[in-house]
Amino acid sequence: MPMTLVERIISAKVGSEVRPGQLVMAPVDQVFAHDLSGPLAITQLKKLGFKGFKNPEKVRFFLDHASPSSTVQSANEQKTIRDFADEWEVELIDVGEGISHQIVMEKYAKPGEIILGGD
């Protein structure tokens, strides 16, 4: 049976043929989170004793779901992301600069990459 595009991309990344249902460890090319998923990820990273990103240039945070913040809670969550991005020197795409999925597709994604998003 022919491989799907996703199977081919993951196979290329791990260096061997993969099939549905198989568990593999594949390198990730880019990671992004937005203002709904970002605070959750940051909380978990801190609980795990986070010490920094190996490749911070591959990490982005977007403020695009609560844009602008409509509650104190969402403003605080955006501040959490801003502070974290600043502390760890990762890119922050701010309120009004666009939607995460669209920006990643138009500006950052390259054919054959594995990209993890916060949805």
PDB file of N, CA and C in Angstrom:
ATOM      1  N   MET A   1       0.833  -1.166   0.000  1.00  0.00           N
ATOM      2  CA  MET A   1       0.000   0.000   0.000  1.00  0.00           C
ATOM      3  C   MET A   1       0.889   1.244   0.000  1.00  0.00           C
ATOM      4  N   PRO A   2       0.573   2.239  -0.833  1.00  0.00           N
ATOM      5  CA  PRO A   2       1.404   3.446  -0.888  1.00  0.00           C
ATOM      6  C   PRO A   2       1.338   4.225   0.433  1.00  0.00           C
ATOM      7  N   MET A   3       2.424   4.906   0.741  1.00  0.00           N
ATOM      8  CA  MET A   3       2.484   5.710   1.966  1.00  0.00           C
ATOM      9  C   MET A   3       1.786   7.053   1.751  1.00  0.00           C
ATOM     10  N   THR A   4       1.176   7.569   2.820  1.00  0.00           N
ATOM     11  CA  THR A   4       0.589   8.906   2.764  1.00  0.00           C
ATOM     12  C   THR A   4       1.714   9.932   2.849  1.00  0.00           C
ATOM     13  N   LEU A   5       1.388  11.181   2.591  1.00  0.00           N
ATOM     14  CA  LEU A   5       2.374  12.249   2.688  1.00  0.00           C
ATOM     15  C   LEU A   5       2.926  12.344   4.114  1.00  0.00           C
ATOM     16  N   VAL A   6       2.055  12.266   5.105  1.00  0.00           N
ATOM     17  CA  VAL A   6       2.492  12.337   6.495  1.00  0.00           C
ATOM     18  C   VAL A   6       3.429  11.172   6.820  1.00  0.00           C
ATOM     19  N   GLU A   7       3.088   9.972   6.374  1.00  0.00           N
ATOM     20  CA  GLU A   7       3.964   8.818   6.601  1.00  0.00           C
ATOM     21  C   GLU A   7       5.327   9.033   5.962  1.00  0.00           C
ATOM     22  N   ARG A   8       5.349   9.620   4.772  1.00  0.00           N
ATOM     23  CA  ARG A   8       6.624   9.879   4.093  1.00  0.00           C
ATOM     24  C   ARG A   8       7.460  10.922   4.834  1.00  0.00           C
ATOM     25  N   ILE A   9       6.811  11.979   5.320  1.00  0.00           N
ATOM     26  CA  ILE A   9       7.541  13.025   6.041  1.00  0.00           C
ATOM     27  C   ILE A   9       8.132  12.459   7.333  1.00  0.00           C
ATOM     28  N   ILE A  10       7.325  11.750   8.103  1.00  0.00           N
ATOM     29  CA  ILE A  10       7.830  11.191   9.360  1.00  0.00           C
ATOM     30  C   ILE A  10       8.897  10.140   9.093  1.00  0.00           C
ATOM     31  N   SER A  11       8.718   9.316   8.075  1.00  0.00           N
ATOM     32  CA  SER A  11       9.734   8.319   7.718  1.00  0.00           C
ATOM     33  C   SER A  11      11.062   8.990   7.402  1.00  0.00           C
ATOM     34  N   ALA A  12      11.008  10.085   6.652  1.00  0.00           N
ATOM     35  CA  ALA A  12      12.232  10.813   6.311  1.00  0.00           C
ATOM     36  C   ALA A  12      12.899  11.374   7.565  1.00  0.00           C
ATOM     37  N   LYS A  13      12.103  11.837   8.513  1.00  0.00           N
ATOM     38  CA  LYS A  13      12.647  12.419   9.740  1.00  0.00           C
ATOM     39  C   LYS A  13      13.302  11.369  10.641  1.00  0.00           C
ATOM     40  N   VAL A  14      12.701  10.186  10.730  1.00  0.00           N
ATOM     41  CA  VAL A  14      13.251   9.154  11.627  1.00  0.00           C
ATOM     42  C   VAL A  14      14.234   8.221  10.933  1.00  0.00           C
ATOM     43  N   GLY A  15      14.290   8.277   9.609  1.00  0.00           N
ATOM     44  CA  GLY A  15      15.271   7.477   8.884  1.00  0.00           C
ATOM     45  C   GLY A  15      14.862   6.050   8.609  1.00  0.00           C
ATOM     46  N   SER A  16      13.580   5.735   8.798  1.00  0.00           N
ATOM     47  CA  SER A  16      13.082   4.410   8.455  1.00  0.00           C
ATOM     48  C   SER A  16      11.584   4.515   8.164  1.00  0.00           C
ATOM     49  N   GLU A  17      11.080   3.530   7.456  1.00  0.00           N
ATOM     50  CA  GLU A  17       9.671   3.557   7.068  1.00  0.00           C
ATOM     51  C   GLU A  17       8.764   3.395   8.286  1.00  0.00           C
ATOM     52  N   VAL A  18       7.755   4.250   8.373  1.00  0.00           N
ATOM     53  CA  VAL A  18       6.779   4.159   9.469  1.00  0.00           C
ATOM     54  C   VAL A  18       5.408   3.831   8.890  1.00  0.00           C
ATOM     55  N   ARG A  19       4.577   3.240   9.728  1.00  0.00           N
ATOM     56  CA  ARG A  19       3.219   2.846   9.341  1.00  0.00           C
ATOM     57  C   ARG A  19       2.223   3.289  10.403  1.00  0.00           C
ATOM     58  N   PRO A  20       0.963   3.426  10.062  1.00  0.00           N
ATOM     59  CA  PRO A  20      -0.057   3.836  11.042  1.00  0.00           C
ATOM     60  C   PRO A  20      -0.040   2.941  12.278  1.00  0.00           C
ATOM     61  N   GLY A  21      -0.168   3.578  13.437  1.00  0.00           N
ATOM     62  CA  GLY A  21      -0.186   2.855  14.696  1.00  0.00           C
ATOM     63  C   GLY A  21       1.178   2.662  15.324  1.00  0.00           C
ATOM     64  N   GLN A  22       2.218   2.903  14.550  1.00  0.00           N
ATOM     65  CA  GLN A  22       3.578   2.733  15.059  1.00  0.00           C
ATOM     66  C   GLN A  22       3.959   3.941  15.907  1.00  0.00           C
ATOM     67  N   LEU A  23       4.644   3.724  17.024  1.00  0.00           N
ATOM     68  CA  LEU A  23       5.115   4.786  17.888  1.00  0.00           C
ATOM     69  C   LEU A  23       6.564   5.091  17.539  1.00  0.00           C
ATOM     70  N   VAL A  24       6.847   6.354  17.229  1.00  0.00           N
ATOM     71  CA  VAL A  24       8.210   6.758  16.880  1.00  0.00           C
ATOM     72  C   VAL A  24       8.570   8.051  17.600  1.00  0.00           C
ATOM     73  N   MET A  25       9.845   8.290  17.745  1.00  0.00           N
ATOM     74  CA  MET A  25      10.358   9.557  18.255  1.00  0.00           C
ATOM     75  C   MET A  25      10.903  10.315  17.057  1.00  0.00           C
ATOM     76  N   ALA A  26      10.265  11.423  16.716  1.00  0.00           N
ATOM     77  CA  ALA A  26      10.669  12.196  15.544  1.00  0.00           C
ATOM     78  C   ALA A  26      11.128  13.583  15.976  1.00  0.00           C
ATOM     79  N   PRO A  27      12.162  14.105  15.339  1.00  0.00           N
ATOM     80  CA  PRO A  27      12.589  15.467  15.661  1.00  0.00           C
ATOM     81  C   PRO A  27      11.539  16.467  15.187  1.00  0.00           C
ATOM     82  N   VAL A  28      11.370  17.527  15.957  1.00  0.00           N
ATOM     83  CA  VAL A  28      10.391  18.566  15.644  1.00  0.00           C
ATOM     84  C   VAL A  28      11.143  19.788  15.126  1.00  0.00           C
ATOM     85  N   ASP A  29      10.653  20.355  14.031  1.00  0.00           N
ATOM     86  CA  ASP A  29      11.326  21.492  13.414  1.00  0.00           C
ATOM     87  C   ASP A  29      10.924  22.836  14.018  1.00  0.00           C
ATOM     88  N   GLN A  30       9.663  22.969  14.419  1.00  0.00           N
ATOM     89  CA  GLN A  30       9.182  24.220  14.988  1.00  0.00           C
ATOM     90  C   GLN A  30       8.073  23.928  15.987  1.00  0.00           C
ATOM     91  N   VAL A  31       7.937  24.833  16.963  1.00  0.00           N
ATOM     92  CA  VAL A  31       6.890  24.710  17.970  1.00  0.00           C
ATOM     93  C   VAL A  31       6.259  26.078  18.153  1.00  0.00           C
ATOM     94  N   PHE A  32       4.932  26.097  18.283  1.00  0.00           N
ATOM     95  CA  PHE A  32       4.284  27.356  18.617  1.00  0.00           C
ATOM     96  C   PHE A  32       3.108  27.128  19.543  1.00  0.00           C
ATOM     97  N   ALA A  33       2.795  28.164  20.307  1.00  0.00           N
ATOM     98  CA  ALA A  33       1.641  28.148  21.202  1.00  0.00           C
ATOM     99  C   ALA A  33       0.998  29.523  21.134  1.00  0.00           C
ATOM    100  N   HIS A  34      -0.262  29.583  21.478  1.00  0.00           N
ATOM    101  CA  HIS A  34      -0.969  30.868  21.465  1.00  0.00           C
ATOM    102  C   HIS A  34      -1.470  31.199  22.855  1.00  0.00           C
ATOM    103  N   ASP A  35      -2.239  32.261  22.949  1.00  0.00           N
ATOM    104  CA  ASP A  35      -2.639  32.757  24.260  1.00  0.00           C
ATOM    105  C   ASP A  35      -3.622  31.863  25.008  1.00  0.00           C
ATOM    106  N   LEU A  36      -4.172  30.855  24.383  1.00  0.00           N
ATOM    107  CA  LEU A  36      -5.003  29.892  25.110  1.00  0.00           C
ATOM    108  C   LEU A  36      -4.178  28.704  25.584  1.00  0.00           C
ATOM    109  N   SER A  37      -3.290  28.192  24.738  1.00  0.00           N
ATOM    110  CA  SER A  37      -2.489  27.024  25.099  1.00  0.00           C
ATOM    111  C   SER A  37      -1.154  27.395  25.741  1.00  0.00           C
ATOM    112  N   GLY A  38      -0.655  28.566  25.456  1.00  0.00           N
ATOM    113  CA  GLY A  38       0.658  28.970  25.954  1.00  0.00           C
ATOM    114  C   GLY A  38       0.801  28.961  27.466  1.00  0.00           C
ATOM    115  N   PRO A  39      -0.132  29.576  28.208  1.00  0.00           N
ATOM    116  CA  PRO A  39       0.014  29.570  29.664  1.00  0.00           C
ATOM    117  C   PRO A  39       0.025  28.158  30.255  1.00  0.00           C
ATOM    118  N   LEU A  40      -0.749  27.261  29.670  1.00  0.00           N
ATOM    119  CA  LEU A  40      -0.747  25.865  30.143  1.00  0.00           C
ATOM    120  C   LEU A  40       0.623  25.227  29.909  1.00  0.00           C
ATOM    121  N   ALA A  41       1.181  25.444  28.725  1.00  0.00           N
ATOM    122  CA  ALA A  41       2.499  24.887  28.408  1.00  0.00           C
ATOM    123  C   ALA A  41       3.567  25.474  29.319  1.00  0.00           C
ATOM    124  N   ILE A  42       3.511  26.772  29.553  1.00  0.00           N
ATOM    125  CA  ILE A  42       4.494  27.436  30.410  1.00  0.00           C
ATOM    126  C   ILE A  42       4.427  26.874  31.826  1.00  0.00           C
ATOM    127  N   THR A  43       3.224  26.700  32.345  1.00  0.00           N
ATOM    128  CA  THR A  43       3.048  26.131  33.685  1.00  0.00           C
ATOM    129  C   THR A  43       3.686  24.754  33.775  1.00  0.00           C
ATOM    130  N   GLN A  44       3.452  23.917  32.770  1.00  0.00           N
ATOM    131  CA  GLN A  44       4.015  22.569  32.790  1.00  0.00           C
ATOM    132  C   GLN A  44       5.538  22.590  32.651  1.00  0.00           C
ATOM    133  N   LEU A  45       6.058  23.452  31.790  1.00  0.00           N
ATOM    134  CA  LEU A  45       7.517  23.554  31.652  1.00  0.00           C
ATOM    135  C   LEU A  45       8.159  23.936  32.979  1.00  0.00           C
ATOM    136  N   LYS A  46       7.554  24.891  33.662  1.00  0.00           N
ATOM    137  CA  LYS A  46       8.107  25.316  34.961  1.00  0.00           C
ATOM    138  C   LYS A  46       8.042  24.185  35.984  1.00  0.00           C
ATOM    139  N   LYS A  47       6.953  23.418  35.992  1.00  0.00           N
ATOM    140  CA  LYS A  47       6.837  22.279  36.917  1.00  0.00           C
ATOM    141  C   LYS A  47       7.917  21.232  36.644  1.00  0.00           C
ATOM    142  N   LEU A  48       8.322  21.121  35.378  1.00  0.00           N
ATOM    143  CA  LEU A  48       9.338  20.140  34.993  1.00  0.00           C
ATOM    144  C   LEU A  48      10.762  20.664  35.204  1.00  0.00           C
ATOM    145  N   GLY A  49      10.898  21.886  35.730  1.00  0.00           N
ATOM    146  CA  GLY A  49      12.228  22.441  35.970  1.00  0.00           C
ATOM    147  C   GLY A  49      12.892  22.982  34.725  1.00  0.00           C
ATOM    148  N   PHE A  50      12.123  23.577  33.855  1.00  0.00           N
ATOM    149  CA  PHE A  50      12.604  24.101  32.576  1.00  0.00           C
ATOM    150  C   PHE A  50      13.885  24.910  32.728  1.00  0.00           C
ATOM    151  N   LYS A  51      14.859  24.624  31.850  1.00  0.00           N
ATOM    152  CA  LYS A  51      16.150  25.307  31.895  1.00  0.00           C
ATOM    153  C   LYS A  51      16.480  26.051  30.600  1.00  0.00           C
ATOM    154  N   GLY A  52      15.560  26.071  29.656  1.00  0.00           N
ATOM    155  CA  GLY A  52      15.796  26.797  28.413  1.00  0.00           C
ATOM    156  C   GLY A  52      15.602  25.917  27.189  1.00  0.00           C
ATOM    157  N   PHE A  53      15.466  26.578  26.046  1.00  0.00           N
ATOM    158  CA  PHE A  53      15.267  25.881  24.778  1.00  0.00           C
ATOM    159  C   PHE A  53      16.603  25.602  24.110  1.00  0.00           C
ATOM    160  N   LYS A  54      16.727  24.426  23.534  1.00  0.00           N
ATOM    161  CA  LYS A  54      17.939  24.078  22.773  1.00  0.00           C
ATOM    162  C   LYS A  54      18.041  24.967  21.534  1.00  0.00           C
ATOM    163  N   ASN A  55      16.907  25.207  20.887  1.00  0.00           N
ATOM    164  CA  ASN A  55      16.860  26.028  19.686  1.00  0.00           C
ATOM    165  C   ASN A  55      15.744  27.068  19.819  1.00  0.00           C
ATOM    166  N   PRO A  56      15.979  28.160  20.553  1.00  0.00           N
ATOM    167  CA  PRO A  56      14.912  29.135  20.781  1.00  0.00           C
ATOM    168  C   PRO A  56      14.385  29.780  19.501  1.00  0.00           C
ATOM    169  N   GLU A  57      15.173  29.762  18.454  1.00  0.00           N
ATOM    170  CA  GLU A  57      14.722  30.340  17.181  1.00  0.00           C
ATOM    171  C   GLU A  57      13.616  29.514  16.539  1.00  0.00           C
ATOM    172  N   LYS A  58      13.358  28.327  17.048  1.00  0.00           N
ATOM    173  CA  LYS A  58      12.302  27.462  16.511  1.00  0.00           C
ATOM    174  C   LYS A  58      11.019  27.516  17.344  1.00  0.00           C
ATOM    175  N   VAL A  59      10.983  28.418  18.338  1.00  0.00           N
ATOM    176  CA  VAL A  59       9.848  28.504  19.258  1.00  0.00           C
ATOM    177  C   VAL A  59       9.184  29.867  19.112  1.00  0.00           C
ATOM    178  N   ARG A  60       7.847  29.865  19.016  1.00  0.00           N
ATOM    179  CA  ARG A  60       7.096  31.116  18.892  1.00  0.00           C
ATOM    180  C   ARG A  60       5.848  31.088  19.751  1.00  0.00           C
ATOM    181  N   PHE A  61       5.499  32.244  20.274  1.00  0.00           N
ATOM    182  CA  PHE A  61       4.236  32.420  20.977  1.00  0.00           C
ATOM    183  C   PHE A  61       3.419  33.470  20.237  1.00  0.00           C
ATOM    184  N   PHE A  62       2.134  33.203  20.134  1.00  0.00           N
ATOM    185  CA  PHE A  62       1.216  34.111  19.452  1.00  0.00           C
ATOM    186  C   PHE A  62       0.155  34.603  20.422  1.00  0.00           C
ATOM    187  N   LEU A  63      -0.167  35.885  20.340  1.00  0.00           N
ATOM    188  CA  LEU A  63      -1.292  36.446  21.082  1.00  0.00           C
ATOM    189  C   LEU A  63      -2.351  36.775  20.035  1.00  0.00           C
ATOM    190  N   ASP A  64      -3.236  35.797  19.795  1.00  0.00           N
ATOM    191  CA  ASP A  64      -4.188  35.970  18.690  1.00  0.00           C
ATOM    192  C   ASP A  64      -5.609  35.514  18.991  1.00  0.00           C
ATOM    193  N   HIS A  65      -5.849  34.847  20.100  1.00  0.00           N
ATOM    194  CA  HIS A  65      -7.196  34.347  20.369  1.00  0.00           C
ATOM    195  C   HIS A  65      -8.036  35.343  21.172  1.00  0.00           C
ATOM    196  N   ALA A  66      -7.446  35.942  22.170  1.00  0.00           N
ATOM    197  CA  ALA A  66      -8.120  36.978  22.953  1.00  0.00           C
ATOM    198  C   ALA A  66      -7.436  38.293  22.587  1.00  0.00           C
ATOM    199  N   SER A  67      -7.865  38.849  21.476  1.00  0.00           N
ATOM    200  CA  SER A  67      -7.120  39.940  20.868  1.00  0.00           C
ATOM    201  C   SER A  67      -8.052  41.100  20.528  1.00  0.00           C
ATOM    202  N   PRO A  68      -8.096  42.134  21.354  1.00  0.00           N
ATOM    203  CA  PRO A  68      -7.365  42.341  22.606  1.00  0.00           C
ATOM    204  C   PRO A  68      -8.023  41.570  23.753  1.00  0.00           C
ATOM    205  N   SER A  69      -7.346  41.536  24.881  1.00  0.00           N
ATOM    206  CA  SER A  69      -7.878  40.835  26.057  1.00  0.00           C
ATOM    207  C   SER A  69      -9.207  41.453  26.463  1.00  0.00           C
ATOM    208  N   SER A  70     -10.150  40.582  26.765  1.00  0.00           N
ATOM    209  CA  SER A  70     -11.466  41.073  27.177  1.00  0.00           C
ATOM    210  C   SER A  70     -11.718  40.864  28.673  1.00  0.00           C
ATOM    211  N   THR A  71     -10.798  40.168  29.331  1.00  0.00           N
ATOM    212  CA  THR A  71     -10.932  39.929  30.774  1.00  0.00           C
ATOM    213  C   THR A  71      -9.583  40.122  31.450  1.00  0.00           C
ATOM    214  N   VAL A  72      -9.625  40.298  32.754  1.00  0.00           N
ATOM    215  CA  VAL A  72      -8.388  40.405  33.528  1.00  0.00           C
ATOM    216  C   VAL A  72      -7.601  39.104  33.423  1.00  0.00           C
ATOM    217  N   GLN A  73      -8.304  37.972  33.454  1.00  0.00           N
ATOM    218  CA  GLN A  73      -7.630  36.676  33.366  1.00  0.00           C
ATOM    219  C   GLN A  73      -6.864  36.545  32.051  1.00  0.00           C
ATOM    220  N   SER A  74      -7.490  36.910  30.940  1.00  0.00           N
ATOM    221  CA  SER A  74      -6.782  36.769  29.662  1.00  0.00           C
ATOM    222  C   SER A  74      -5.629  37.763  29.568  1.00  0.00           C
ATOM    223  N   ALA A  75      -5.767  38.948  30.142  1.00  0.00           N
ATOM    224  CA  ALA A  75      -4.657  39.903  30.165  1.00  0.00           C
ATOM    225  C   ALA A  75      -3.490  39.341  30.979  1.00  0.00           C
ATOM    226  N   ASN A  76      -3.801  38.705  32.103  1.00  0.00           N
ATOM    227  CA  ASN A  76      -2.749  38.097  32.927  1.00  0.00           C
ATOM    228  C   ASN A  76      -2.073  36.939  32.208  1.00  0.00           C
ATOM    229  N   GLU A  77      -2.849  36.143  31.480  1.00  0.00           N
ATOM    230  CA  GLU A  77      -2.269  35.033  30.720  1.00  0.00           C
ATOM    231  C   GLU A  77      -1.360  35.555  29.613  1.00  0.00           C
ATOM    232  N   GLN A  78      -1.772  36.644  28.965  1.00  0.00           N
ATOM    233  CA  GLN A  78      -0.909  37.236  27.946  1.00  0.00           C
ATOM    234  C   GLN A  78       0.372  37.785  28.571  1.00  0.00           C
ATOM    235  N   LYS A  79       0.265  38.351  29.756  1.00  0.00           N
ATOM    236  CA  LYS A  79       1.464  38.834  30.452  1.00  0.00           C
ATOM    237  C   LYS A  79       2.395  37.669  30.774  1.00  0.00           C
ATOM    238  N   THR A  80       1.828  36.550  31.180  1.00  0.00           N
ATOM    239  CA  THR A  80       2.635  35.352  31.442  1.00  0.00           C
ATOM    240  C   THR A  80       3.432  34.975  30.201  1.00  0.00           C
ATOM    241  N   ILE A  81       2.770  34.982  29.052  1.00  0.00           N
ATOM    242  CA  ILE A  81       3.450  34.646  27.799  1.00  0.00           C
ATOM    243  C   ILE A  81       4.507  35.690  27.457  1.00  0.00           C
ATOM    244  N   ARG A  82       4.158  36.965  27.566  1.00  0.00           N
ATOM    245  CA  ARG A  82       5.126  38.031  27.259  1.00  0.00           C
ATOM    246  C   ARG A  82       6.387  37.892  28.123  1.00  0.00           C
ATOM    247  N   ASP A  83       6.178  37.689  29.423  1.00  0.00           N
ATOM    248  CA  ASP A  83       7.315  37.566  30.345  1.00  0.00           C
ATOM    249  C   ASP A  83       8.164  36.342  30.016  1.00  0.00           C
ATOM    250  N   PHE A  84       7.519  35.215  29.740  1.00  0.00           N
ATOM    251  CA  PHE A  84       8.228  33.985  29.418  1.00  0.00           C
ATOM    252  C   PHE A  84       9.019  34.141  28.111  1.00  0.00           C
ATOM    253  N   ALA A  85       8.381  34.700  27.083  1.00  0.00           N
ATOM    254  CA  ALA A  85       9.057  34.896  25.792  1.00  0.00           C
ATOM    255  C   ALA A  85      10.258  35.822  25.945  1.00  0.00           C
ATOM    256  N   ASP A  86      10.091  36.852  26.749  1.00  0.00           N
ATOM    257  CA  ASP A  86      11.192  37.784  26.984  1.00  0.00           C
ATOM    258  C   ASP A  86      12.328  37.104  27.752  1.00  0.00           C
ATOM    259  N   GLU A  87      11.979  36.390  28.808  1.00  0.00           N
ATOM    260  CA  GLU A  87      12.988  35.726  29.634  1.00  0.00           C
ATOM    261  C   GLU A  87      13.795  34.700  28.850  1.00  0.00           C
ATOM    262  N   TRP A  88      13.119  33.925  27.997  1.00  0.00           N
ATOM    263  CA  TRP A  88      13.786  32.841  27.286  1.00  0.00           C
ATOM    264  C   TRP A  88      14.139  33.187  25.847  1.00  0.00           C
ATOM    265  N   GLU A  89      13.959  34.463  25.484  1.00  0.00           N
ATOM    266  CA  GLU A  89      14.375  34.992  24.175  1.00  0.00           C
ATOM    267  C   GLU A  89      13.799  34.215  23.006  1.00  0.00           C
ATOM    268  N   VAL A  90      12.470  34.040  23.060  1.00  0.00           N
ATOM    269  CA  VAL A  90      11.771  33.431  21.937  1.00  0.00           C
ATOM    270  C   VAL A  90      10.853  34.474  21.315  1.00  0.00           C
ATOM    271  N   GLU A  91      10.521  34.257  20.063  1.00  0.00           N
ATOM    272  CA  GLU A  91       9.715  35.225  19.330  1.00  0.00           C
ATOM    273  C   GLU A  91       8.284  35.289  19.851  1.00  0.00           C
ATOM    274  N   LEU A  92       7.786  36.511  19.966  1.00  0.00           N
ATOM    275  CA  LEU A  92       6.410  36.763  20.350  1.00  0.00           C
ATOM    276  C   LEU A  92       5.733  37.510  19.201  1.00  0.00           C
ATOM    277  N   ILE A  93       4.676  36.933  18.687  1.00  0.00           N
ATOM    278  CA  ILE A  93       3.874  37.603  17.661  1.00  0.00           C
ATOM    279  C   ILE A  93       2.680  38.187  18.412  1.00  0.00           C
ATOM    280  N   ASP A  94       2.621  39.496  18.441  1.00  0.00           N
ATOM    281  CA  ASP A  94       1.724  40.206  19.347  1.00  0.00           C
ATOM    282  C   ASP A  94       0.310  40.376  18.796  1.00  0.00           C
ATOM    283  N   VAL A  95      -0.558  40.845  19.674  1.00  0.00           N
ATOM    284  CA  VAL A  95      -1.952  41.141  19.340  1.00  0.00           C
ATOM    285  C   VAL A  95      -2.005  41.993  18.071  1.00  0.00           C
ATOM    286  N   GLY A  96      -2.861  41.588  17.136  1.00  0.00           N
ATOM    287  CA  GLY A  96      -3.051  42.350  15.914  1.00  0.00           C
ATOM    288  C   GLY A  96      -2.092  42.020  14.786  1.00  0.00           C
ATOM    289  N   GLU A  97      -1.115  41.150  15.032  1.00  0.00           N
ATOM    290  CA  GLU A  97      -0.136  40.824  13.995  1.00  0.00           C
ATOM    291  C   GLU A  97      -0.555  39.632  13.147  1.00  0.00           C
ATOM    292  N   GLY A  98      -1.660  38.974  13.502  1.00  0.00           N
ATOM    293  CA  GLY A  98      -2.161  37.879  12.685  1.00  0.00           C
ATOM    294  C   GLY A  98      -2.500  36.642  13.479  1.00  0.00           C
ATOM    295  N   ILE A  99      -3.051  35.664  12.770  1.00  0.00           N
ATOM    296  CA  ILE A  99      -3.491  34.402  13.347  1.00  0.00           C
ATOM    297  C   ILE A  99      -2.350  33.385  13.268  1.00  0.00           C
ATOM    298  N   SER A 100      -2.115  32.697  14.370  1.00  0.00           N
ATOM    299  CA  SER A 100      -0.958  31.795  14.473  1.00  0.00           C
ATOM    300  C   SER A 100      -0.841  30.822  13.309  1.00  0.00           C
ATOM    301  N   HIS A 101      -1.903  30.086  13.013  1.00  0.00           N
ATOM    302  CA  HIS A 101      -1.825  29.060  11.970  1.00  0.00           C
ATOM    303  C   HIS A 101      -1.490  29.673  10.607  1.00  0.00           C
ATOM    304  N   GLN A 102      -2.078  30.797  10.313  1.00  0.00           N
ATOM    305  CA  GLN A 102      -1.833  31.453   9.027  1.00  0.00           C
ATOM    306  C   GLN A 102      -0.404  31.981   8.937  1.00  0.00           C
ATOM    307  N   ILE A 103       0.058  32.624   9.999  1.00  0.00           N
ATOM    308  CA  ILE A 103       1.418  33.179   9.987  1.00  0.00           C
ATOM    309  C   ILE A 103       2.459  32.069   9.890  1.00  0.00           C
ATOM    310  N   VAL A 104       2.261  30.987  10.652  1.00  0.00           N
ATOM    311  CA  VAL A 104       3.211  29.873  10.576  1.00  0.00           C
ATOM    312  C   VAL A 104       3.265  29.344   9.150  1.00  0.00           C
ATOM    313  N   MET A 105       2.091  29.149   8.536  1.00  0.00           N
ATOM    314  CA  MET A 105       2.047  28.618   7.180  1.00  0.00           C
ATOM    315  C   MET A 105       2.716  29.569   6.175  1.00  0.00           C
ATOM    316  N   GLU A 106       2.429  30.848   6.274  1.00  0.00           N
ATOM    317  CA  GLU A 106       2.933  31.813   5.290  1.00  0.00           C
ATOM    318  C   GLU A 106       4.394  32.195   5.498  1.00  0.00           C
ATOM    319  N   LYS A 107       4.843  32.256   6.749  1.00  0.00           N
ATOM    320  CA  LYS A 107       6.149  32.829   7.025  1.00  0.00           C
ATOM    321  C   LYS A 107       7.214  31.829   7.490  1.00  0.00           C
ATOM    322  N   TYR A 108       6.800  30.769   8.175  1.00  0.00           N
ATOM    323  CA  TYR A 108       7.786  29.906   8.817  1.00  0.00           C
ATOM    324  C   TYR A 108       7.845  28.472   8.297  1.00  0.00           C
ATOM    325  N   ALA A 109       6.711  27.886   7.983  1.00  0.00           N
ATOM    326  CA  ALA A 109       6.676  26.470   7.601  1.00  0.00           C
ATOM    327  C   ALA A 109       7.409  26.225   6.289  1.00  0.00           C
ATOM    328  N   LYS A 110       8.125  25.114   6.256  1.00  0.00           N
ATOM    329  CA  LYS A 110       8.820  24.683   5.035  1.00  0.00           C
ATOM    330  C   LYS A 110       8.376  23.260   4.719  1.00  0.00           C
ATOM    331  N   PRO A 111       8.379  22.901   3.460  1.00  0.00           N
ATOM    332  CA  PRO A 111       7.958  21.537   3.094  1.00  0.00           C
ATOM    333  C   PRO A 111       8.771  20.485   3.841  1.00  0.00           C
ATOM    334  N   GLY A 112       8.062  19.463   4.310  1.00  0.00           N
ATOM    335  CA  GLY A 112       8.712  18.347   4.971  1.00  0.00           C
ATOM    336  C   GLY A 112       8.977  18.542   6.454  1.00  0.00           C
ATOM    337  N   GLU A 113       8.600  19.690   7.013  1.00  0.00           N
ATOM    338  CA  GLU A 113       8.844  19.932   8.431  1.00  0.00           C
ATOM    339  C   GLU A 113       7.744  19.336   9.307  1.00  0.00           C
ATOM    340  N   ILE A 114       8.139  19.028  10.535  1.00  0.00           N
ATOM    341  CA  ILE A 114       7.189  18.657  11.565  1.00  0.00           C
ATOM    342  C   ILE A 114       7.051  19.852  12.478  1.00  0.00           C
ATOM    343  N   ILE A 115       5.817  20.370  12.571  1.00  0.00           N
ATOM    344  CA  ILE A 115       5.544  21.558  13.366  1.00  0.00           C
ATOM    345  C   ILE A 115       4.467  21.224  14.387  1.00  0.00           C
ATOM    346  N   LEU A 116       4.742  21.523  15.650  1.00  0.00           N
ATOM    347  CA  LEU A 116       3.765  21.294  16.705  1.00  0.00           C
ATOM    348  C   LEU A 116       3.145  22.621  17.099  1.00  0.00           C
ATOM    349  N   GLY A 117       1.811  22.643  17.132  1.00  0.00           N
ATOM    350  CA  GLY A 117       1.086  23.839  17.545  1.00  0.00           C
ATOM    351  C   GLY A 117       0.259  23.562  18.773  1.00  0.00           C
ATOM    352  N   GLY A 118      -0.136  24.631  19.427  1.00  0.00           N
ATOM    353  CA  GLY A 118      -0.828  24.528  20.703  1.00  0.00           C
ATOM    354  C   GLY A 118      -2.293  24.127  20.631  1.00  0.00           C
ATOM    355  N   ASP A 119      -2.801  23.796  19.491  1.00  0.00           N
ATOM    356  CA  ASP A 119      -4.198  23.363  19.405  1.00  0.00           C
ATOM    357  C   ASP A 119      -4.252  21.859  19.506  1.00  0.00           C
TER     358      ASP A 119
END
